[in-house]
C-alpha atoms as a PDB file:
ATOM      1  CA  MET A   1       9.179 -42.016  47.792  1.00  0.00           C
ATOM      2  CA  LYS A   2       7.118 -38.725  48.551  1.00  0.00           C
ATOM      3  CA  ASN A   3       8.921 -36.355  50.201  1.00  0.00           C
ATOM      4  CA  TYR A   4       8.712 -38.032  53.610  1.00  0.00           C
ATOM      5  CA  MET A   5       9.103 -35.191  56.098  1.00  0.00           C
ATOM      6  CA  ASP A   6       6.501 -33.192  54.074  1.00  0.00           C
ATOM      7  CA  THR A   7       3.713 -36.238  54.955  1.00  0.00           C
ATOM      8  CA  THR A   8       5.255 -36.598  58.608  1.00  0.00           C
ATOM      9  CA  ILE A   9       3.941 -32.749  59.090  1.00  0.00           C
ATOM     10  CA  ASP A  10       0.907 -33.527  57.489  1.00  0.00           C
ATOM     11  CA  VAL A  11       0.735 -36.333  60.070  1.00  0.00           C
ATOM     12  CA  TYR A  12       1.529 -34.589  63.083  1.00  0.00           C
ATOM     13  CA  ALA A  13      -0.883 -31.144  62.340  1.00  0.00           C
ATOM     14  CA  LYS A  14      -3.354 -33.201  61.967  1.00  0.00           C
ATOM     15  CA  ALA A  15      -2.725 -35.369  65.462  1.00  0.00           C
ATOM     16  CA  ALA A  16      -2.382 -32.068  66.807  1.00  0.00           C
ATOM     17  CA  LEU A  17      -5.687 -30.741  65.769  1.00  0.00           C
ATOM     18  CA  THR A  18      -7.357 -33.926  66.669  1.00  0.00           C
ATOM     19  CA  PRO A  19      -5.390 -36.394  69.200  1.00  0.00           C
ATOM     20  CA  ASP A  20      -5.230 -39.380  68.067  1.00  0.00           C
ATOM     21  CA  VAL A  21      -4.574 -42.069  70.614  1.00  0.00           C
ATOM     22  CA  GLY A  22      -3.989 -45.232  68.124  1.00  0.00           C
ATOM     23  CA  LEU A  23      -1.159 -43.414  66.475  1.00  0.00           C
ATOM     24  CA  CYS A  24       1.638 -45.191  68.378  1.00  0.00           C
ATOM     25  CA  CYS A  25       0.895 -47.596  71.183  1.00  0.00           C
ATOM     26  CA  THR A  26       3.479 -46.502  74.217  1.00  0.00           C
ATOM     27  CA  ASN A  27       4.193 -49.458  76.415  1.00  0.00           C
ATOM     28  CA  THR A  28       5.734 -47.989  79.057  1.00  0.00           C
ATOM     29  CA  PRO A  29       3.774 -47.167  82.356  1.00  0.00           C
ATOM     30  CA  ILE A  30       3.825 -43.212  82.788  1.00  0.00           C
ATOM     31  CA  TRP A  31       5.550 -41.622  85.585  1.00  0.00           C
ATOM     32  CA  GLN A  32       3.623 -41.204  88.730  1.00  0.00           C
ATOM     33  CA  LEU A  33       5.809 -38.783  90.761  1.00  0.00           C
ATOM     34  CA  PRO A  34       4.563 -37.015  93.966  1.00  0.00           C
ATOM     35  CA  GLN A  35       2.613 -34.071  93.510  1.00  0.00           C
ATOM     36  CA  LEU A  36       3.366 -34.658  89.266  1.00  0.00           C
ATOM     37  CA  THR A  37      -0.630 -34.181  87.637  1.00  0.00           C
ATOM     38  CA  ILE A  38      -0.549 -35.297  83.658  1.00  0.00           C
ATOM     39  CA  PRO A  39      -3.585 -33.393  81.719  1.00  0.00           C
ATOM     40  CA  LYS A  40      -5.635 -35.639  80.236  1.00  0.00           C
ATOM     41  CA  ILE A  41      -4.998 -34.581  77.201  1.00  0.00           C
ATOM     42  CA  MET A  42      -1.430 -34.701  77.370  1.00  0.00           C
ATOM     43  CA  GLN A  43      -1.779 -38.675  77.776  1.00  0.00           C
ATOM     44  CA  GLU A  44      -4.030 -39.066  74.907  1.00  0.00           C
ATOM     45  CA  MET A  45      -1.569 -37.214  72.706  1.00  0.00           C
ATOM     46  CA  ASN A  46       1.049 -39.378  74.267  1.00  0.00           C
ATOM     47  CA  TYR A  47       2.724 -40.185  70.472  1.00  0.00           C
ATOM     48  CA  GLY A  48       5.786 -42.243  71.724  1.00  0.00           C
ATOM     49  CA  CYS A  49       6.670 -45.669  72.137  1.00  0.00           C
ATOM     50  CA  GLY A  50       8.406 -45.589  75.701  1.00  0.00           C
ATOM     51  CA  SER A  51      10.274 -43.217  77.843  1.00  0.00           C
ATOM     52  CA  THR A  52      13.195 -41.208  77.758  1.00  0.00           C
ATOM     53  CA  VAL A  53      12.135 -39.549  81.320  1.00  0.00           C
ATOM     54  CA  HIS A  54      14.461 -41.698  84.031  1.00  0.00           C
ATOM     55  CA  PRO A  55      15.416 -39.629  87.357  1.00  0.00           C
ATOM     56  CA  ARG A  56      19.213 -40.848  87.420  1.00  0.00           C
ATOM     57  CA  ASP A  57      19.257 -39.115  84.408  1.00  0.00           C
ATOM     58  CA  LEU A  58      17.738 -35.505  85.668  1.00  0.00           C
ATOM     59  CA  VAL A  59      19.675 -34.640  88.809  1.00  0.00           C
ATOM     60  CA  ASN A  60      21.116 -31.356  90.077  1.00  0.00           C
ATOM     61  CA  GLN A  61      18.825 -29.219  87.548  1.00  0.00           C
ATOM     62  CA  PRO A  62      20.132 -29.926  84.342  1.00  0.00           C
ATOM     63  CA  LYS A  63      19.352 -28.289  81.215  1.00  0.00           C
ATOM     64  CA  ILE A  64      17.007 -30.352  78.890  1.00  0.00           C
ATOM     65  CA  LEU A  65      15.966 -30.306  75.042  1.00  0.00           C
ATOM     66  CA  TYR A  66      13.362 -32.318  73.903  1.00  0.00           C
ATOM     67  CA  VAL A  67      12.835 -32.898  70.269  1.00  0.00           C
ATOM     68  CA  GLY A  68       9.509 -33.512  68.472  1.00  0.00           C
ATOM     69  CA  VAL A  69       7.288 -32.012  71.676  1.00  0.00           C
ATOM     70  CA  GLY A  70       4.035 -33.920  71.008  1.00  0.00           C
ATOM     71  CA  GLY A  71       1.308 -33.378  73.377  1.00  0.00           C
ATOM     72  CA  GLY A  72       3.731 -32.156  76.192  1.00  0.00           C
ATOM     73  CA  MET A  73       3.539 -35.013  78.554  1.00  0.00           C
ATOM     74  CA  GLU A  74       7.499 -35.683  78.645  1.00  0.00           C
ATOM     75  CA  VAL A  75       8.551 -31.876  78.419  1.00  0.00           C
ATOM     76  CA  LEU A  76       6.278 -31.685  81.563  1.00  0.00           C
ATOM     77  CA  GLN A  77       7.764 -34.272  82.848  1.00  0.00           C
ATOM     78  CA  PHE A  78      11.539 -33.357  82.509  1.00  0.00           C
ATOM     79  CA  ALA A  79      10.236 -29.762  83.745  1.00  0.00           C
ATOM     80  CA  TYR A  80       9.627 -31.905  87.364  1.00  0.00           C
ATOM     81  CA  PHE A  81      13.033 -32.494  87.784  1.00  0.00           C
ATOM     82  CA  SER A  82      14.744 -28.986  86.161  1.00  0.00           C
ATOM     83  CA  ARG A  83      12.421 -26.602  87.883  1.00  0.00           C
ATOM     84  CA  GLN A  84      13.770 -23.060  86.485  1.00  0.00           C
ATOM     85  CA  GLN A  85      13.382 -20.829  83.575  1.00  0.00           C
ATOM     86  CA  ALA A  86      13.932 -22.535  80.576  1.00  0.00           C
ATOM     87  CA  GLY A  87      15.632 -25.135  82.078  1.00  0.00           C
ATOM     88  CA  VAL A  88      13.602 -27.803  79.564  1.00  0.00           C
ATOM     89  CA  ILE A  89      14.027 -26.563  75.529  1.00  0.00           C
ATOM     90  CA  GLY A  90      10.831 -27.693  73.176  1.00  0.00           C
ATOM     91  CA  VAL A  91      11.874 -28.200  69.771  1.00  0.00           C
ATOM     92  CA  ASP A  92       9.230 -29.241  67.056  1.00  0.00           C
ATOM     93  CA  ILE A  93       8.918 -28.259  63.073  1.00  0.00           C
ATOM     94  CA  VAL A  94       5.100 -28.489  63.263  1.00  0.00           C
ATOM     95  CA  ASP A  95       3.397 -25.339  64.219  1.00  0.00           C
ATOM     96  CA  GLU A  96       0.363 -26.920  65.121  1.00  0.00           C
ATOM     97  CA  MET A  97       2.394 -29.200  67.471  1.00  0.00           C
ATOM     98  CA  LEU A  98       3.816 -26.535  69.507  1.00  0.00           C
ATOM     99  CA  SER A  99       0.594 -24.568  69.990  1.00  0.00           C
ATOM    100  CA  ALA A 100      -1.030 -27.492  71.401  1.00  0.00           C
ATOM    101  CA  CYS A 101       1.857 -28.115  73.375  1.00  0.00           C
ATOM    102  CA  ALA A 102       1.350 -24.429  74.654  1.00  0.00           C
ATOM    103  CA  GLU A 103      -2.081 -24.773  75.558  1.00  0.00           C
ATOM    104  CA  ASN A 104      -1.361 -28.245  77.319  1.00  0.00           C
ATOM    105  CA  LEU A 105       1.266 -26.509  79.289  1.00  0.00           C
ATOM    106  CA  GLU A 106      -1.084 -24.065  80.382  1.00  0.00           C
ATOM    107  CA  LYS A 107      -3.371 -26.668  81.455  1.00  0.00           C
ATOM    108  CA  ALA A 108      -0.695 -28.627  83.245  1.00  0.00           C
ATOM    109  CA  GLU A 109       0.325 -24.961  85.225  1.00  0.00           C
ATOM    110  CA  TYR A 110      -3.260 -24.742  86.491  1.00  0.00           C
ATOM    111  CA  GLU A 111      -3.189 -28.827  87.641  1.00  0.00           C
ATOM    112  CA  ASN A 112       0.107 -28.261  89.173  1.00  0.00           C
ATOM    113  CA  SER A 113       1.192 -26.317  92.105  1.00  0.00           C
ATOM    114  CA  TRP A 114       5.010 -26.410  91.553  1.00  0.00           C
ATOM    115  CA  PHE A 115       4.866 -25.820  87.820  1.00  0.00           C
ATOM    116  CA  ASP A 116       5.286 -22.422  86.228  1.00  0.00           C
ATOM    117  CA  ARG A 117       5.122 -22.345  82.364  1.00  0.00           C
ATOM    118  CA  SER A 118       8.359 -20.515  81.952  1.00  0.00           C
ATOM    119  CA  PHE A 119      10.233 -23.551  83.134  1.00  0.00           C
ATOM    120  CA  VAL A 120       9.672 -24.693  79.407  1.00  0.00           C
ATOM    121  CA  GLU A 121      10.789 -22.633  76.409  1.00  0.00           C
ATOM    122  CA  LEU A 122       9.287 -23.920  73.206  1.00  0.00           C
ATOM    123  CA  ARG A 123      11.195 -23.023  69.750  1.00  0.00           C
ATOM    124  CA  LYS A 124      10.392 -23.831  66.237  1.00  0.00           C
ATOM    125  CA  GLY A 125      12.893 -25.967  64.593  1.00  0.00           C
ATOM    126  CA  ASN A 126      14.341 -29.094  62.782  1.00  0.00           C
ATOM    127  CA  ALA A 127      15.938 -32.111  64.274  1.00  0.00           C
ATOM    128  CA  LEU A 128      18.337 -31.845  61.617  1.00  0.00           C
ATOM    129  CA  ALA A 129      19.805 -28.302  62.135  1.00  0.00           C
ATOM    130  CA  LEU A 130      18.690 -27.494  65.716  1.00  0.00           C
ATOM    131  CA  PRO A 131      18.151 -23.875  67.114  1.00  0.00           C
ATOM    132  CA  VAL A 132      20.545 -24.457  70.244  1.00  0.00           C
ATOM    133  CA  GLU A 133      23.523 -23.407  70.984  1.00  0.00           C
ATOM    134  CA  ASP A 134      27.063 -26.126  70.994  1.00  0.00           C
ATOM    135  CA  ASN A 135      27.902 -28.089  74.382  1.00  0.00           C
ATOM    136  CA  SER A 136      24.726 -26.317  76.071  1.00  0.00           C
ATOM    137  CA  ILE A 137      22.664 -29.585  76.988  1.00  0.00           C
ATOM    138  CA  HIS A 138      22.944 -31.714  79.567  1.00  0.00           C
ATOM    139  CA  VAL A 139      20.307 -34.379  78.744  1.00  0.00           C
ATOM    140  CA  ALA A 140      18.608 -34.332  75.317  1.00  0.00           C
ATOM    141  CA  ALA A 141      15.876 -36.643  74.516  1.00  0.00           C
ATOM    142  CA  GLN A 142      13.462 -37.965  71.391  1.00  0.00           C
ATOM    143  CA  ASN A 143      10.758 -40.391  72.017  1.00  0.00           C
ATOM    144  CA  CYS A 144       9.714 -42.149  68.153  1.00  0.00           C
ATOM    145  CA  LEU A 145      10.786 -39.367  65.624  1.00  0.00           C
ATOM    146  CA  PHE A 146      14.296 -40.392  64.687  1.00  0.00           C
ATOM    147  CA  ASN A 147      12.764 -43.516  63.313  1.00  0.00           C
ATOM    148  CA  ILE A 148      11.128 -41.358  60.737  1.00  0.00           C
ATOM    149  CA  PHE A 149      14.638 -40.355  58.811  1.00  0.00           C
ATOM    150  CA  THR A 150      16.066 -41.961  56.118  1.00  0.00           C
ATOM    151  CA  GLN A 151      19.297 -43.186  57.389  1.00  0.00           C
ATOM    152  CA  GLU A 152      21.516 -40.115  55.856  1.00  0.00           C
ATOM    153  CA  ASP A 153      18.732 -37.977  58.058  1.00  0.00           C
ATOM    154  CA  LEU A 154      19.315 -40.280  60.679  1.00  0.00           C
ATOM    155  CA  LYS A 155      23.141 -39.561  60.645  1.00  0.00           C
ATOM    156  CA  LYS A 156      22.354 -36.080  60.704  1.00  0.00           C
ATOM    157  CA  ALA A 157      20.510 -35.914  63.416  1.00  0.00           C
ATOM    158  CA  LEU A 158      22.671 -37.714  65.562  1.00  0.00           C
ATOM    159  CA  ALA A 159      25.503 -35.572  65.067  1.00  0.00           C
ATOM    160  CA  GLU A 160      23.048 -32.260  66.207  1.00  0.00           C
ATOM    161  CA  MET A 161      22.210 -33.911  69.083  1.00  0.00           C
ATOM    162  CA  TYR A 162      25.995 -34.761  69.858  1.00  0.00           C
ATOM    163  CA  ARG A 163      26.582 -31.066  68.820  1.00  0.00           C
ATOM    164  CA  VAL A 164      24.375 -29.609  71.478  1.00  0.00           C
ATOM    165  CA  LEU A 165      25.462 -31.858  74.512  1.00  0.00           C
ATOM    166  CA  LYS A 166      27.646 -30.813  76.887  1.00  0.00           C
ATOM    167  CA  PRO A 167      30.685 -33.282  77.360  1.00  0.00           C
ATOM    168  CA  TYR A 168      29.373 -35.902  79.418  1.00  0.00           C
ATOM    169  CA  GLY A 169      25.900 -35.161  78.556  1.00  0.00           C
ATOM    170  CA  ARG A 170      23.037 -37.816  77.433  1.00  0.00           C
ATOM    171  CA  LEU A 171      21.128 -38.449  74.901  1.00  0.00           C
ATOM    172  CA  VAL A 172      17.975 -40.756  75.916  1.00  0.00           C
ATOM    173  CA  LEU A 173      15.878 -42.624  72.735  1.00  0.00           C
ATOM    174  CA  SER A 174      12.801 -44.575  72.368  1.00  0.00           C
ATOM    175  CA  ASP A 175      12.563 -45.929  68.733  1.00  0.00           C
ATOM    176  CA  PRO A 176      11.180 -48.934  67.171  1.00  0.00           C
ATOM    177  CA  ILE A 177      13.665 -51.669  65.914  1.00  0.00           C
ATOM    178  CA  THR A 178      13.085 -54.749  63.919  1.00  0.00           C
ATOM    179  CA  GLU A 179      15.413 -57.429  63.167  1.00  0.00           C
ATOM    180  CA  ASN A 180      13.168 -58.917  59.920  1.00  0.00           C
ATOM    181  CA  PRO A 181      13.684 -57.895  56.801  1.00  0.00           C
ATOM    182  CA  MET A 182      12.064 -54.616  55.783  1.00  0.00           C
ATOM    183  CA  PRO A 183      10.599 -54.873  52.155  1.00  0.00           C
ATOM    184  CA  GLU A 184      11.061 -51.609  50.265  1.00  0.00           C
ATOM    185  CA  GLU A 185       7.629 -51.112  49.552  1.00  0.00           C
ATOM    186  CA  LEU A 186       7.622 -50.247  53.197  1.00  0.00           C
ATOM    187  CA  LYS A 187      10.892 -48.322  53.888  1.00  0.00           C
ATOM    188  CA  ASN A 188       9.159 -45.983  50.544  1.00  0.00           C
ATOM    189  CA  ASP A 189       5.881 -45.976  51.911  1.00  0.00           C
ATOM    190  CA  SER A 190       6.036 -42.244  53.247  1.00  0.00           C
ATOM    191  CA  ARG A 191       3.331 -42.388  55.523  1.00  0.00           C
ATOM    192  CA  LEU A 192       4.152 -45.773  57.456  1.00  0.00           C
ATOM    193  CA  ARG A 193       7.409 -43.932  57.559  1.00  0.00           C
ATOM    194  CA  ALA A 194       5.821 -41.089  59.481  1.00  0.00           C
ATOM    195  CA  LEU A 195       4.107 -43.216  61.818  1.00  0.00           C
ATOM    196  CA  CYS A 196       7.349 -44.671  62.818  1.00  0.00           C
ATOM    197  CA  LEU A 197       7.137 -48.113  61.028  1.00  0.00           C
ATOM    198  CA  SER A 198       9.139 -48.994  58.409  1.00  0.00           C
ATOM    199  CA  GLY A 199      12.101 -46.736  59.062  1.00  0.00           C
ATOM    200  CA  SER A 200      12.339 -49.414  61.871  1.00  0.00           C
ATOM    201  CA  LEU A 201      16.172 -50.972  61.513  1.00  0.00           C
ATOM    202  CA  PRO A 202      18.318 -53.789  63.356  1.00  0.00           C
ATOM    203  CA  LEU A 203      19.668 -52.856  66.627  1.00  0.00           C
ATOM    204  CA  VAL A 204      23.167 -53.486  65.829  1.00  0.00           C
ATOM    205  CA  GLU A 205      22.522 -51.232  63.141  1.00  0.00           C
ATOM    206  CA  TYR A 206      21.190 -48.896  65.049  1.00  0.00           C
ATOM    207  CA  LEU A 207      23.516 -48.984  67.898  1.00  0.00           C
ATOM    208  CA  LYS A 208      26.440 -48.401  65.351  1.00  0.00           C
ATOM    209  CA  LEU A 209      24.803 -44.977  63.808  1.00  0.00           C
ATOM    210  CA  ILE A 210      24.665 -43.494  67.488  1.00  0.00           C
ATOM    211  CA  THR A 211      28.413 -44.738  68.801  1.00  0.00           C
ATOM    212  CA  ASP A 212      29.778 -43.807  64.364  1.00  0.00           C
ATOM    213  CA  ALA A 213      28.348 -40.060  65.790  1.00  0.00           C
ATOM    214  CA  GLY A 214      30.847 -40.143  68.531  1.00  0.00           C
ATOM    215  CA  PHE A 215      28.967 -41.117  71.686  1.00  0.00           C
ATOM    216  CA  GLY A 216      31.625 -43.340  73.592  1.00  0.00           C
ATOM    217  CA  THR A 217      29.065 -45.377  75.793  1.00  0.00           C
ATOM    218  CA  VAL A 218      25.579 -46.672  75.010  1.00  0.00           C
ATOM    219  CA  GLU A 219      23.183 -48.379  77.431  1.00  0.00           C
ATOM    220  CA  ILE A 220      20.449 -50.444  76.411  1.00  0.00           C
ATOM    221  CA  ARG A 221      17.872 -50.001  79.493  1.00  0.00           C
ATOM    222  CA  ALA A 222      14.584 -51.474  78.107  1.00  0.00           C
ATOM    223  CA  LYS A 223      13.331 -53.478  75.093  1.00  0.00           C
ATOM    224  CA  ARG A 224      10.070 -54.673  74.257  1.00  0.00           C
ATOM    225  CA  PRO A 225       7.932 -55.807  72.146  1.00  0.00           C
ATOM    226  CA  TYR A 226       5.547 -53.577  70.163  1.00  0.00           C
ATOM    227  CA  ARG A 227       4.090 -54.093  66.672  1.00  0.00           C
ATOM    228  CA  ILE A 228       3.001 -56.735  63.910  1.00  0.00           C
ATOM    229  CA  LEU A 229       3.297 -55.721  60.444  1.00  0.00           C
ATOM    230  CA  ALA A 230       1.464 -58.507  59.294  1.00  0.00           C
ATOM    231  CA  PRO A 231       0.643 -59.898  55.719  1.00  0.00           C
ATOM    232  CA  GLY A 232      -3.145 -58.619  54.196  1.00  0.00           C
ATOM    233  CA  GLN A 233      -2.439 -55.531  56.160  1.00  0.00           C
ATOM    234  CA  TYR A 234       0.891 -54.555  54.899  1.00  0.00           C
ATOM    235  CA  GLU A 235       2.822 -55.109  52.049  1.00  0.00           C
ATOM    236  CA  THR A 236       4.901 -58.363  53.224  1.00  0.00           C
ATOM    237  CA  THR A 237       4.574 -61.666  52.779  1.00  0.00           C
ATOM    238  CA  GLU A 238       5.415 -62.532  56.442  1.00  0.00           C
ATOM    239  CA  ASN A 239       5.173 -61.047  59.847  1.00  0.00           C
ATOM    240  CA  ILE A 240       7.165 -58.464  61.043  1.00  0.00           C
ATOM    241  CA  LEU A 241       7.810 -57.853  64.460  1.00  0.00           C
ATOM    242  CA  LEU A 242       8.637 -54.683  65.622  1.00  0.00           C
ATOM    243  CA  GLU A 243       9.999 -53.835  69.339  1.00  0.00           C
ATOM    244  CA  SER A 244      10.512 -50.659  71.352  1.00  0.00           C
ATOM    245  CA  VAL A 245      14.344 -49.847  72.501  1.00  0.00           C
ATOM    246  CA  GLU A 246      15.117 -47.424  74.997  1.00  0.00           C
ATOM    247  CA  VAL A 247      18.392 -46.278  74.778  1.00  0.00           C
ATOM    248  CA  CYS A 248      21.043 -43.743  76.727  1.00  0.00           C
ATOM    249  CA  ALA A 249      23.813 -42.730  74.597  1.00  0.00           C
ATOM    250  CA  ILE A 250      26.881 -40.654  76.815  1.00  0.00           C
ATOM    251  CA  LYS A 251      28.956 -38.061  75.201  1.00  0.00           C
ATOM    252  CA  ASP A 252      32.219 -39.270  76.837  1.00  0.00           C
ATOM    253  CA  PRO A 253      35.102 -40.177  75.134  1.00  0.00           C
ATOM    254  CA  MET A 254      35.601 -42.933  72.619  1.00  0.00           C
ATOM    255  CA  PRO A 255      37.617 -45.839  74.070  1.00  0.00           C
ATOM    256  CA  SER A 256      40.813 -46.301  72.260  1.00  0.00           C
ATOM    257  CA  ASP A 257      39.127 -50.212  71.473  1.00  0.00           C
ATOM    258  CA  GLY A 258      36.010 -48.403  70.469  1.00  0.00           C
ATOM    259  CA  PRO A 259      32.747 -47.863  72.166  1.00  0.00           C
ATOM    260  CA  CYS A 260      31.087 -49.784  75.299  1.00  0.00           C
ATOM    261  CA  ILE A 261      27.734 -51.023  74.816  1.00  0.00           C
ATOM    262  CA  PHE A 262      25.750 -52.425  77.842  1.00  0.00           C
ATOM    263  CA  THR A 263      23.257 -54.790  76.802  1.00  0.00           C
ATOM    264  CA  GLY A 264      22.700 -56.071  80.316  1.00  0.00           C
ATOM    265  CA  LYS A 265      25.352 -58.497  80.466  1.00  0.00           C
ATOM    266  CA  ALA A 266      26.710 -60.101  83.891  1.00  0.00           C
ATOM    267  CA  ALA A 267      29.445 -61.619  85.050  1.00  0.00           C
ATOM    268  CA  ILE A 268      29.778 -64.137  87.883  1.00  0.00           C
ATOM    269  CA  TYR A 269      33.075 -65.412  89.145  1.00  0.00           C
ATOM    270  CA  PHE A 270      32.349 -68.537  91.174  1.00  0.00           C
ATOM    271  CA  GLY A 271      35.792 -69.661  91.638  1.00  0.00           C
ATOM    272  CA  LYS A 272      37.981 -70.666  94.919  1.00  0.00           C
ATOM    273  CA  GLU A 273      40.152 -67.685  95.053  1.00  0.00           C
ATOM    274  CA  SER A 274      39.138 -63.969  96.892  1.00  0.00           C
ATOM    275  CA  TYR A 275      38.572 -62.520  93.886  1.00  0.00           C
ATOM    276  CA  PHE A 276      39.518 -62.970  90.537  1.00  0.00           C
ATOM    277  CA  ASP A 277      41.068 -59.394  88.960  1.00  0.00           C
ATOM    278  CA  ASP A 278      41.502 -59.317  84.795  1.00  0.00           C
ATOM    279  CA  GLN A 279      44.197 -56.702  84.935  1.00  0.00           C
ATOM    280  CA  LYS A 280      41.935 -54.091  83.139  1.00  0.00           C
ATOM    281  CA  GLY A 281      39.644 -53.068  85.805  1.00  0.00           C
ATOM    282  CA  HIS A 282      37.190 -55.770  85.974  1.00  0.00           C
ATOM    283  CA  VAL A 283      37.171 -57.030  89.667  1.00  0.00           C
ATOM    284  CA  LEU A 284      35.050 -60.261  90.629  1.00  0.00           C
ATOM    285  CA  ILE A 285      34.082 -60.580  94.117  1.00  0.00           C
ATOM    286  CA  PRO A 286      32.953 -64.713  94.490  1.00  0.00           C
ATOM    287  CA  ASN A 287      29.246 -64.865  93.699  1.00  0.00           C
ATOM    288  CA  GLN A 288      28.214 -61.045  93.280  1.00  0.00           C
ATOM    289  CA  PRO A 289      27.402 -60.163  89.874  1.00  0.00           C
ATOM    290  CA  LEU A 290      29.068 -57.320  87.957  1.00  0.00           C
ATOM    291  CA  SER A 291      27.345 -55.898  85.234  1.00  0.00           C
ATOM    292  CA  ILE A 292      29.847 -55.608  81.974  1.00  0.00           C
ATOM    293  CA  CYS A 293      29.656 -53.840  78.625  1.00  0.00           C
ATOM    294  CA  ASP A 294      29.304 -56.167  75.651  1.00  0.00           C
ATOM    295  CA  LYS A 295      33.071 -55.627  74.989  1.00  0.00           C
ATOM    296  CA  THR A 296      33.861 -56.775  78.195  1.00  0.00           C
ATOM    297  CA  ALA A 297      31.754 -60.258  78.430  1.00  0.00           C
ATOM    298  CA  SER A 298      33.802 -60.991  74.870  1.00  0.00           C
ATOM    299  CA  ALA A 299      37.148 -60.357  76.440  1.00  0.00           C
ATOM    300  CA  LEU A 300      36.036 -62.366  79.411  1.00  0.00           C
ATOM    301  CA  THR A 301      34.627 -65.279  77.325  1.00  0.00           C
ATOM    302  CA  MET A 302      37.778 -65.395  75.485  1.00  0.00           C
ATOM    303  CA  LEU A 303      39.792 -66.110  78.567  1.00  0.00           C
ATOM    304  CA  GLY A 304      38.098 -69.723  78.301  1.00  0.00           C
ATOM    305  CA  MET A 305      37.904 -69.621  82.143  1.00  0.00           C
ATOM    306  CA  ASN A 306      35.182 -72.377  83.244  1.00  0.00           C
ATOM    307  CA  ASP A 307      34.448 -70.278  86.911  1.00  0.00           C
ATOM    308  CA  ILE A 308      33.063 -67.322  85.479  1.00  0.00           C
ATOM    309  CA  TYR A 309      29.706 -67.224  84.034  1.00  0.00           C
ATOM    310  CA  ILE A 310      28.891 -64.733  81.275  1.00  0.00           C
ATOM    311  CA  SER A 311      25.518 -63.967  81.149  1.00  0.00           C
ATOM    312  CA  GLU A 312      23.109 -63.394  77.482  1.00  0.00           C
ATOM    313  CA  SER A 313      22.041 -59.948  77.190  1.00  0.00           C
ATOM    314  CA  THR A 314      18.660 -58.936  79.003  1.00  0.00           C
ATOM    315  CA  PHE A 315      18.077 -55.879  76.932  1.00  0.00           C
ATOM    316  CA  PHE A 316      17.929 -53.774  80.268  1.00  0.00           C
ATOM    317  CA  TYR A 317      20.866 -51.903  82.259  1.00  0.00           C
ATOM    318  CA  ASP A 318      20.557 -49.181  84.463  1.00  0.00           C
ATOM    319  CA  GLY A 319      23.680 -48.117  86.026  1.00  0.00           C
ATOM    320  CA  GLY A 320      26.054 -49.951  88.267  1.00  0.00           C
ATOM    321  CA  GLY A 321      28.802 -51.307  85.754  1.00  0.00           C
ATOM    322  CA  CYS A 322      32.357 -51.759  85.078  1.00  0.00           C
ATOM    323  CA  CYS A 323      33.691 -51.363  81.513  1.00  0.00           C
END
């Protein structure tokens, strides 16, 4: 395979100079927030597959790192919540993308009375060796970047994100995944990898790489259909469904019995007692759904009780659960 990083830099240098609205197809609505105006050019250069901006992550003026700045849309959205000098650090390896992002932020300053250009600091750097101090970031994010990496490089990128986050800091990711086998011809196509397509992993494998990096809690916030790689258009004999997934990984201590992964499961107790207590920190009140991690769902299922309902994964979790 041709050096995929060289191809990636070439693809996104061209996309910085000439916006390519078809490069990625984000299927998450753009946040509509009071007094926030996103310049049209930023929307045209929105090269992601979801959103990494979640207001509940962004309280108390957090220090934010965004890797792979694109046209600057999510950098601007993060700055909306941070509003402090260098409150958002944007890192990119592509000179042309850094320049385009800087120009777009100047436009954003003109269109948004609350925004000051000093809120965002742009740095040239590589996701595999971030130009950021240890334990200095509250929220780190990337959108449709890590999917480009080979698994060995993905391990390095996740380790770097873990390194720069403060304890209990959050890593928010959006990437394509697939449960279909990916042909080797596609995996080794450097351009398809640069387009965030052929590096797609199965969800379980993707999550294991995240937890292997040390993140003790992982939340699946969304999973949606994304693209089809079809025979005749790509080197495959069967349709390959890609889905986009939005994940939050929290740098909290790893539980002794393994990570807590929330995939949107819930437990409902409908027995005759006033409550059910599993003696492991989970108290179920009759007919009050409780969001639970997959590990807890498995443990409750093993009890074999016929008055506890455990839902399937919805692949949507937005807090409020118990682990």
